[in-house]
Amino acid sequence: MMQVATLIGDVVASRESPDRAALQERLLAVLEELSGRHSGELAVTLGDEFQGRYPTLTEALAVSWELHVRCLPFARLRLGLGWGKILVESTGPGPFGQDGPAWWNARDAIEELAGTSHPSRTLVRTGTDWDELLNAYLTLRDSHLDDLDATDGAILVALAEGETQRAIADRLGLHESSVSRRVHRHRLATLLDTSTPAVPGFG
């Protein structure tokens, strides 16, 4: 039976949002966009929790990165990634009705994050010796997002899509020098280059 990567996410402190409906609408827009860009569908399961399934752990890591960055303007996320087999398959779209170690590992990961001092993070559980190294990397990767604001996030997304700094400045209504300063100050180009490592042996 083939092993897959799974993702479970939710919004940190969503009950404190002054407009839950607007938050949900923006979250759904991000999930829909990423579902169109990647091989797995991200579906809301209950409230602001969402799930997705991917053939490789590398793709799941890429999706986790894009989720954090694209939600910067309005929400912080906790994301649990899992790796393993799917023992029960569903016949409908999305992750509903599936079960197995891949989902159990993702659930263990997100529940562990809920008890940490920095819940706006990503944690992965593969049941292998890779976990310690992968989670050290994810802690470093995600901690760089703490100092970014919505504009930094928009610049980072645009850089990932191949836009030039001049084009980004024009679209965001900024001076090109302002974009350049933000890229340099927060090392956005380096952050982008190291955002998603290729992980061998996981799909």
C-alpha atoms as a PDB file:
ATOM      1  CA  MET A   1       0.000   0.000   0.000  1.00  0.00           C
ATOM      2  CA  MET A   2       1.397   3.375  -1.031  1.00  0.00           C
ATOM      3  CA  GLN A   3       2.433   5.849   1.626  1.00  0.00           C
ATOM      4  CA  VAL A   4       1.359   9.483   1.398  1.00  0.00           C
ATOM      5  CA  ALA A   5       1.847  12.817   3.136  1.00  0.00           C
ATOM      6  CA  THR A   6      -1.063  14.410   4.966  1.00  0.00           C
ATOM      7  CA  LEU A   7      -1.638  17.908   6.327  1.00  0.00           C
ATOM      8  CA  ILE A   8      -3.970  19.097   9.076  1.00  0.00           C
ATOM      9  CA  GLY A   9      -4.142  22.825   9.799  1.00  0.00           C
ATOM     10  CA  ASP A  10      -6.102  25.349  11.773  1.00  0.00           C
ATOM     11  CA  VAL A  11      -6.077  29.052  12.597  1.00  0.00           C
ATOM     12  CA  VAL A  12      -4.420  30.097  15.850  1.00  0.00           C
ATOM     13  CA  ALA A  13      -6.750  31.972  18.247  1.00  0.00           C
ATOM     14  CA  SER A  14      -9.522  32.182  15.646  1.00  0.00           C
ATOM     15  CA  ARG A  15     -12.157  32.744  18.345  1.00  0.00           C
ATOM     16  CA  GLU A  16     -10.516  36.058  19.134  1.00  0.00           C
ATOM     17  CA  SER A  17     -11.070  37.354  15.591  1.00  0.00           C
ATOM     18  CA  PRO A  18     -13.468  40.330  15.497  1.00  0.00           C
ATOM     19  CA  ASP A  19     -14.934  39.034  12.212  1.00  0.00           C
ATOM     20  CA  ARG A  20     -14.957  35.251  12.008  1.00  0.00           C
ATOM     21  CA  ALA A  21     -16.928  35.274   8.753  1.00  0.00           C
ATOM     22  CA  ALA A  22     -14.356  37.449   6.978  1.00  0.00           C
ATOM     23  CA  LEU A  23     -11.500  35.329   8.322  1.00  0.00           C
ATOM     24  CA  GLN A  24     -13.186  32.155   7.071  1.00  0.00           C
ATOM     25  CA  GLU A  25     -13.787  33.700   3.659  1.00  0.00           C
ATOM     26  CA  ARG A  26     -10.136  34.701   3.263  1.00  0.00           C
ATOM     27  CA  LEU A  27      -8.954  31.299   4.471  1.00  0.00           C
ATOM     28  CA  LEU A  28     -11.204  29.522   1.968  1.00  0.00           C
ATOM     29  CA  ALA A  29      -9.807  31.676  -0.832  1.00  0.00           C
ATOM     30  CA  VAL A  30      -6.242  30.656   0.077  1.00  0.00           C
ATOM     31  CA  LEU A  31      -7.198  26.977   0.301  1.00  0.00           C
ATOM     32  CA  GLU A  32      -8.907  27.130  -3.081  1.00  0.00           C
ATOM     33  CA  GLU A  33      -5.909  28.849  -4.684  1.00  0.00           C
ATOM     34  CA  LEU A  34      -3.423  26.298  -3.345  1.00  0.00           C
ATOM     35  CA  SER A  35      -5.697  23.406  -4.303  1.00  0.00           C
ATOM     36  CA  GLY A  36      -5.447  24.648  -7.865  1.00  0.00           C
ATOM     37  CA  ARG A  37      -1.662  24.937  -7.708  1.00  0.00           C
ATOM     38  CA  HIS A  38      -0.885  21.542  -6.147  1.00  0.00           C
ATOM     39  CA  SER A  39      -1.927  17.921  -6.581  1.00  0.00           C
ATOM     40  CA  GLY A  40      -4.030  17.673  -3.422  1.00  0.00           C
ATOM     41  CA  GLU A  41      -7.264  19.384  -2.459  1.00  0.00           C
ATOM     42  CA  LEU A  42      -7.325  21.405   0.768  1.00  0.00           C
ATOM     43  CA  ALA A  43     -10.766  21.033   2.314  1.00  0.00           C
ATOM     44  CA  VAL A  44     -12.280  22.557   5.441  1.00  0.00           C
ATOM     45  CA  THR A  45     -13.434  19.788   7.768  1.00  0.00           C
ATOM     46  CA  LEU A  46     -14.962  21.667  10.716  1.00  0.00           C
ATOM     47  CA  GLY A  47     -14.823  25.319  11.724  1.00  0.00           C
ATOM     48  CA  ASP A  48     -11.425  26.625  10.644  1.00  0.00           C
ATOM     49  CA  GLU A  49      -9.696  23.227  10.507  1.00  0.00           C
ATOM     50  CA  PHE A  50      -8.629  22.017   7.076  1.00  0.00           C
ATOM     51  CA  GLN A  51      -6.906  18.956   5.636  1.00  0.00           C
ATOM     52  CA  GLY A  52      -5.042  17.883   2.533  1.00  0.00           C
ATOM     53  CA  ARG A  53      -3.231  14.837   1.146  1.00  0.00           C
ATOM     54  CA  TYR A  54      -0.165  14.741  -1.119  1.00  0.00           C
ATOM     55  CA  PRO A  55       1.869  12.046  -2.860  1.00  0.00           C
ATOM     56  CA  THR A  56       5.200  13.303  -1.482  1.00  0.00           C
ATOM     57  CA  LEU A  57       6.368  14.899   1.737  1.00  0.00           C
ATOM     58  CA  THR A  58       8.268  17.500  -0.313  1.00  0.00           C
ATOM     59  CA  GLU A  59       4.985  18.754  -1.784  1.00  0.00           C
ATOM     60  CA  ALA A  60       3.303  18.799   1.630  1.00  0.00           C
ATOM     61  CA  LEU A  61       6.201  20.884   2.973  1.00  0.00           C
ATOM     62  CA  ALA A  62       5.836  23.285   0.045  1.00  0.00           C
ATOM     63  CA  VAL A  63       2.111  23.647   0.714  1.00  0.00           C
ATOM     64  CA  SER A  64       2.735  24.273   4.414  1.00  0.00           C
ATOM     65  CA  TRP A  65       5.128  27.089   3.526  1.00  0.00           C
ATOM     66  CA  GLU A  66       2.707  28.695   1.089  1.00  0.00           C
ATOM     67  CA  LEU A  67      -0.127  28.460   3.606  1.00  0.00           C
ATOM     68  CA  HIS A  68       1.845  30.337   6.247  1.00  0.00           C
ATOM     69  CA  VAL A  69       2.986  33.050   3.850  1.00  0.00           C
ATOM     70  CA  ARG A  70      -0.349  33.586   2.081  1.00  0.00           C
ATOM     71  CA  CYS A  71      -2.219  33.806   5.388  1.00  0.00           C
ATOM     72  CA  LEU A  72       0.194  36.346   6.912  1.00  0.00           C
ATOM     73  CA  PRO A  73      -2.123  39.310   6.212  1.00  0.00           C
ATOM     74  CA  PHE A  74      -4.953  37.901   8.334  1.00  0.00           C
ATOM     75  CA  ALA A  75      -4.069  34.760  10.308  1.00  0.00           C
ATOM     76  CA  ARG A  76      -1.385  32.618  11.874  1.00  0.00           C
ATOM     77  CA  LEU A  77      -1.595  28.867  11.439  1.00  0.00           C
ATOM     78  CA  ARG A  78      -0.593  25.656  13.128  1.00  0.00           C
ATOM     79  CA  LEU A  79       0.093  22.840  10.677  1.00  0.00           C
ATOM     80  CA  GLY A  80       0.637  19.165  11.410  1.00  0.00           C
ATOM     81  CA  LEU A  81       2.173  16.993   8.694  1.00  0.00           C
ATOM     82  CA  GLY A  82       2.077  13.218   8.682  1.00  0.00           C
ATOM     83  CA  TRP A  83       3.567  10.416   6.612  1.00  0.00           C
ATOM     84  CA  GLY A  84       2.304   6.863   6.350  1.00  0.00           C
ATOM     85  CA  LYS A  85      -0.293   4.560   4.856  1.00  0.00           C
ATOM     86  CA  ILE A  86      -3.979   5.225   4.261  1.00  0.00           C
ATOM     87  CA  LEU A  87      -5.920   2.224   5.555  1.00  0.00           C
ATOM     88  CA  VAL A  88      -9.420   3.491   4.776  1.00  0.00           C
ATOM     89  CA  GLU A  89     -10.173   5.312   1.520  1.00  0.00           C
ATOM     90  CA  SER A  90     -13.147   7.551   0.819  1.00  0.00           C
ATOM     91  CA  THR A  91     -15.055   7.600  -2.445  1.00  0.00           C
ATOM     92  CA  GLY A  92     -15.813  11.337  -2.434  1.00  0.00           C
ATOM     93  CA  PRO A  93     -13.572  14.343  -3.006  1.00  0.00           C
ATOM     94  CA  GLY A  94     -11.229  15.660  -0.360  1.00  0.00           C
ATOM     95  CA  PRO A  95      -9.895  13.905   2.733  1.00  0.00           C
ATOM     96  CA  PHE A  96     -13.262  13.005   4.299  1.00  0.00           C
ATOM     97  CA  GLY A  97     -13.653   9.403   5.394  1.00  0.00           C
ATOM     98  CA  GLN A  98      -9.958   8.518   5.189  1.00  0.00           C
ATOM     99  CA  ASP A  99      -8.049   6.907   8.027  1.00  0.00           C
ATOM    100  CA  GLY A 100      -4.664   5.383   8.742  1.00  0.00           C
ATOM    101  CA  PRO A 101      -1.165   6.140  10.105  1.00  0.00           C
ATOM    102  CA  ALA A 102      -0.657   9.087   7.742  1.00  0.00           C
ATOM    103  CA  TRP A 103      -3.584  10.908   9.360  1.00  0.00           C
ATOM    104  CA  TRP A 104      -2.765   9.712  12.868  1.00  0.00           C
ATOM    105  CA  ASN A 105       0.741  11.143  12.539  1.00  0.00           C
ATOM    106  CA  ALA A 106      -0.568  14.489  11.272  1.00  0.00           C
ATOM    107  CA  ARG A 107      -3.064  14.661  14.153  1.00  0.00           C
ATOM    108  CA  ASP A 108      -0.348  13.870  16.705  1.00  0.00           C
ATOM    109  CA  ALA A 109       1.788  16.655  15.220  1.00  0.00           C
ATOM    110  CA  ILE A 110      -0.858  19.389  15.322  1.00  0.00           C
ATOM    111  CA  GLU A 111      -1.954  18.432  18.820  1.00  0.00           C
ATOM    112  CA  GLU A 112       1.638  18.642  20.006  1.00  0.00           C
ATOM    113  CA  LEU A 113       1.884  22.157  18.542  1.00  0.00           C
ATOM    114  CA  ALA A 114      -1.199  23.268  20.433  1.00  0.00           C
ATOM    115  CA  GLY A 115       0.674  22.845  23.699  1.00  0.00           C
ATOM    116  CA  THR A 116       3.769  24.835  22.728  1.00  0.00           C
ATOM    117  CA  SER A 117       4.619  28.482  23.356  1.00  0.00           C
ATOM    118  CA  HIS A 118       4.753  29.130  19.589  1.00  0.00           C
ATOM    119  CA  PRO A 119       1.708  27.373  18.126  1.00  0.00           C
ATOM    120  CA  SER A 120       2.047  29.231  14.807  1.00  0.00           C
ATOM    121  CA  ARG A 121       4.393  26.629  13.437  1.00  0.00           C
ATOM    122  CA  THR A 122       4.658  23.426  11.400  1.00  0.00           C
ATOM    123  CA  LEU A 123       5.453  20.030  12.902  1.00  0.00           C
ATOM    124  CA  VAL A 124       5.932  16.751  11.051  1.00  0.00           C
ATOM    125  CA  ARG A 125       5.644  13.159  12.203  1.00  0.00           C
ATOM    126  CA  THR A 126       6.921  10.436   9.879  1.00  0.00           C
ATOM    127  CA  GLY A 127       7.772   7.738  12.416  1.00  0.00           C
ATOM    128  CA  THR A 128      11.357   7.693  11.106  1.00  0.00           C
ATOM    129  CA  ASP A 129      14.746   9.047  12.101  1.00  0.00           C
ATOM    130  CA  TRP A 130      14.087  12.055   9.853  1.00  0.00           C
ATOM    131  CA  ASP A 131      11.685  13.666  12.336  1.00  0.00           C
ATOM    132  CA  GLU A 132      14.279  15.407  14.484  1.00  0.00           C
ATOM    133  CA  LEU A 133      16.108  16.924  11.514  1.00  0.00           C
ATOM    134  CA  LEU A 134      12.938  17.941   9.669  1.00  0.00           C
ATOM    135  CA  ASN A 135      11.419  19.601  12.714  1.00  0.00           C
ATOM    136  CA  ALA A 136      14.620  21.507  13.493  1.00  0.00           C
ATOM    137  CA  TYR A 137      14.481  22.842   9.937  1.00  0.00           C
ATOM    138  CA  LEU A 138      10.780  23.704  10.207  1.00  0.00           C
ATOM    139  CA  THR A 139      11.330  25.599  13.464  1.00  0.00           C
ATOM    140  CA  LEU A 140      13.988  27.744  11.806  1.00  0.00           C
ATOM    141  CA  ARG A 141      11.924  28.197   8.634  1.00  0.00           C
ATOM    142  CA  ASP A 142       8.744  29.247  10.382  1.00  0.00           C
ATOM    143  CA  SER A 143      10.405  31.431  13.025  1.00  0.00           C
ATOM    144  CA  HIS A 144      11.530  33.783  10.252  1.00  0.00           C
ATOM    145  CA  LEU A 145       7.880  34.584   9.598  1.00  0.00           C
ATOM    146  CA  ASP A 146       7.357  36.104  13.057  1.00  0.00           C
ATOM    147  CA  ASP A 147       8.807  39.474  12.060  1.00  0.00           C
ATOM    148  CA  LEU A 148       7.055  39.708   8.698  1.00  0.00           C
ATOM    149  CA  ASP A 149       3.986  41.863   8.119  1.00  0.00           C
ATOM    150  CA  ALA A 150       1.310  41.596   5.431  1.00  0.00           C
ATOM    151  CA  THR A 151       3.361  43.604   2.928  1.00  0.00           C
ATOM    152  CA  ASP A 152       6.406  41.394   3.451  1.00  0.00           C
ATOM    153  CA  GLY A 153       4.190  38.366   2.879  1.00  0.00           C
ATOM    154  CA  ALA A 154       2.803  39.831  -0.344  1.00  0.00           C
ATOM    155  CA  ILE A 155       6.349  40.527  -1.579  1.00  0.00           C
ATOM    156  CA  LEU A 156       7.454  37.013  -0.690  1.00  0.00           C
ATOM    157  CA  VAL A 157       4.523  35.452  -2.569  1.00  0.00           C
ATOM    158  CA  ALA A 158       5.221  37.648  -5.595  1.00  0.00           C
ATOM    159  CA  LEU A 159       8.907  36.715  -5.595  1.00  0.00           C
ATOM    160  CA  ALA A 160       7.924  33.060  -5.467  1.00  0.00           C
ATOM    161  CA  GLU A 161       5.769  33.598  -8.555  1.00  0.00           C
ATOM    162  CA  GLY A 162       8.684  35.135 -10.436  1.00  0.00           C
ATOM    163  CA  GLU A 163       7.753  38.822 -10.317  1.00  0.00           C
ATOM    164  CA  THR A 164      10.486  41.423 -10.421  1.00  0.00           C
ATOM    165  CA  GLN A 165      10.895  43.899  -7.594  1.00  0.00           C
ATOM    166  CA  ARG A 166       9.825  46.717  -9.929  1.00  0.00           C
ATOM    167  CA  ALA A 167       6.626  44.892 -10.880  1.00  0.00           C
ATOM    168  CA  ILE A 168       5.919  44.142  -7.222  1.00  0.00           C
ATOM    169  CA  ALA A 169       6.403  47.786  -6.292  1.00  0.00           C
ATOM    170  CA  ASP A 170       4.031  48.950  -9.043  1.00  0.00           C
ATOM    171  CA  ARG A 171       1.335  46.477  -8.080  1.00  0.00           C
ATOM    172  CA  LEU A 172       1.552  47.200  -4.337  1.00  0.00           C
ATOM    173  CA  GLY A 173       1.841  50.961  -4.771  1.00  0.00           C
ATOM    174  CA  LEU A 174       5.333  51.132  -3.254  1.00  0.00           C
ATOM    175  CA  HIS A 175       8.633  52.636  -4.315  1.00  0.00           C
ATOM    176  CA  GLU A 176      10.993  50.044  -5.763  1.00  0.00           C
ATOM    177  CA  SER A 177      13.584  51.082  -3.153  1.00  0.00           C
ATOM    178  CA  SER A 178      11.067  50.258  -0.407  1.00  0.00           C
ATOM    179  CA  VAL A 179      10.576  46.765  -1.793  1.00  0.00           C
ATOM    180  CA  SER A 180      14.351  46.335  -2.092  1.00  0.00           C
ATOM    181  CA  ARG A 181      14.847  47.380   1.542  1.00  0.00           C
ATOM    182  CA  ARG A 182      12.256  44.895   2.759  1.00  0.00           C
ATOM    183  CA  VAL A 183      13.794  42.095   0.696  1.00  0.00           C
ATOM    184  CA  HIS A 184      17.223  42.891   2.113  1.00  0.00           C
ATOM    185  CA  ARG A 185      16.172  43.546   5.720  1.00  0.00           C
ATOM    186  CA  HIS A 186      14.197  40.323   6.094  1.00  0.00           C
ATOM    187  CA  ARG A 187      16.371  38.281   3.719  1.00  0.00           C
ATOM    188  CA  LEU A 188      13.285  37.354   1.716  1.00  0.00           C
ATOM    189  CA  ALA A 189      15.258  35.975  -1.220  1.00  0.00           C
ATOM    190  CA  THR A 190      17.192  33.643   1.085  1.00  0.00           C
ATOM    191  CA  LEU A 191      13.982  32.701   2.873  1.00  0.00           C
ATOM    192  CA  LEU A 192      12.454  31.786  -0.466  1.00  0.00           C
ATOM    193  CA  ASP A 193      15.472  29.766  -1.608  1.00  0.00           C
ATOM    194  CA  THR A 194      15.406  27.647   1.560  1.00  0.00           C
ATOM    195  CA  SER A 195      11.634  27.412   1.958  1.00  0.00           C
ATOM    196  CA  THR A 196      11.117  23.841   0.765  1.00  0.00           C
ATOM    197  CA  PRO A 197      13.836  21.182   0.816  1.00  0.00           C
ATOM    198  CA  ALA A 198      13.606  18.034  -1.262  1.00  0.00           C
ATOM    199  CA  VAL A 199      13.204  15.119   1.139  1.00  0.00           C
ATOM    200  CA  PRO A 200      14.372  11.788  -0.329  1.00  0.00           C
ATOM    201  CA  GLY A 201      12.561   8.580   0.457  1.00  0.00           C
ATOM    202  CA  PHE A 202       9.118  10.104   1.099  1.00  0.00           C
ATOM    203  CA  GLY A 203       7.284   9.646  -2.173  1.00  0.00           C
END
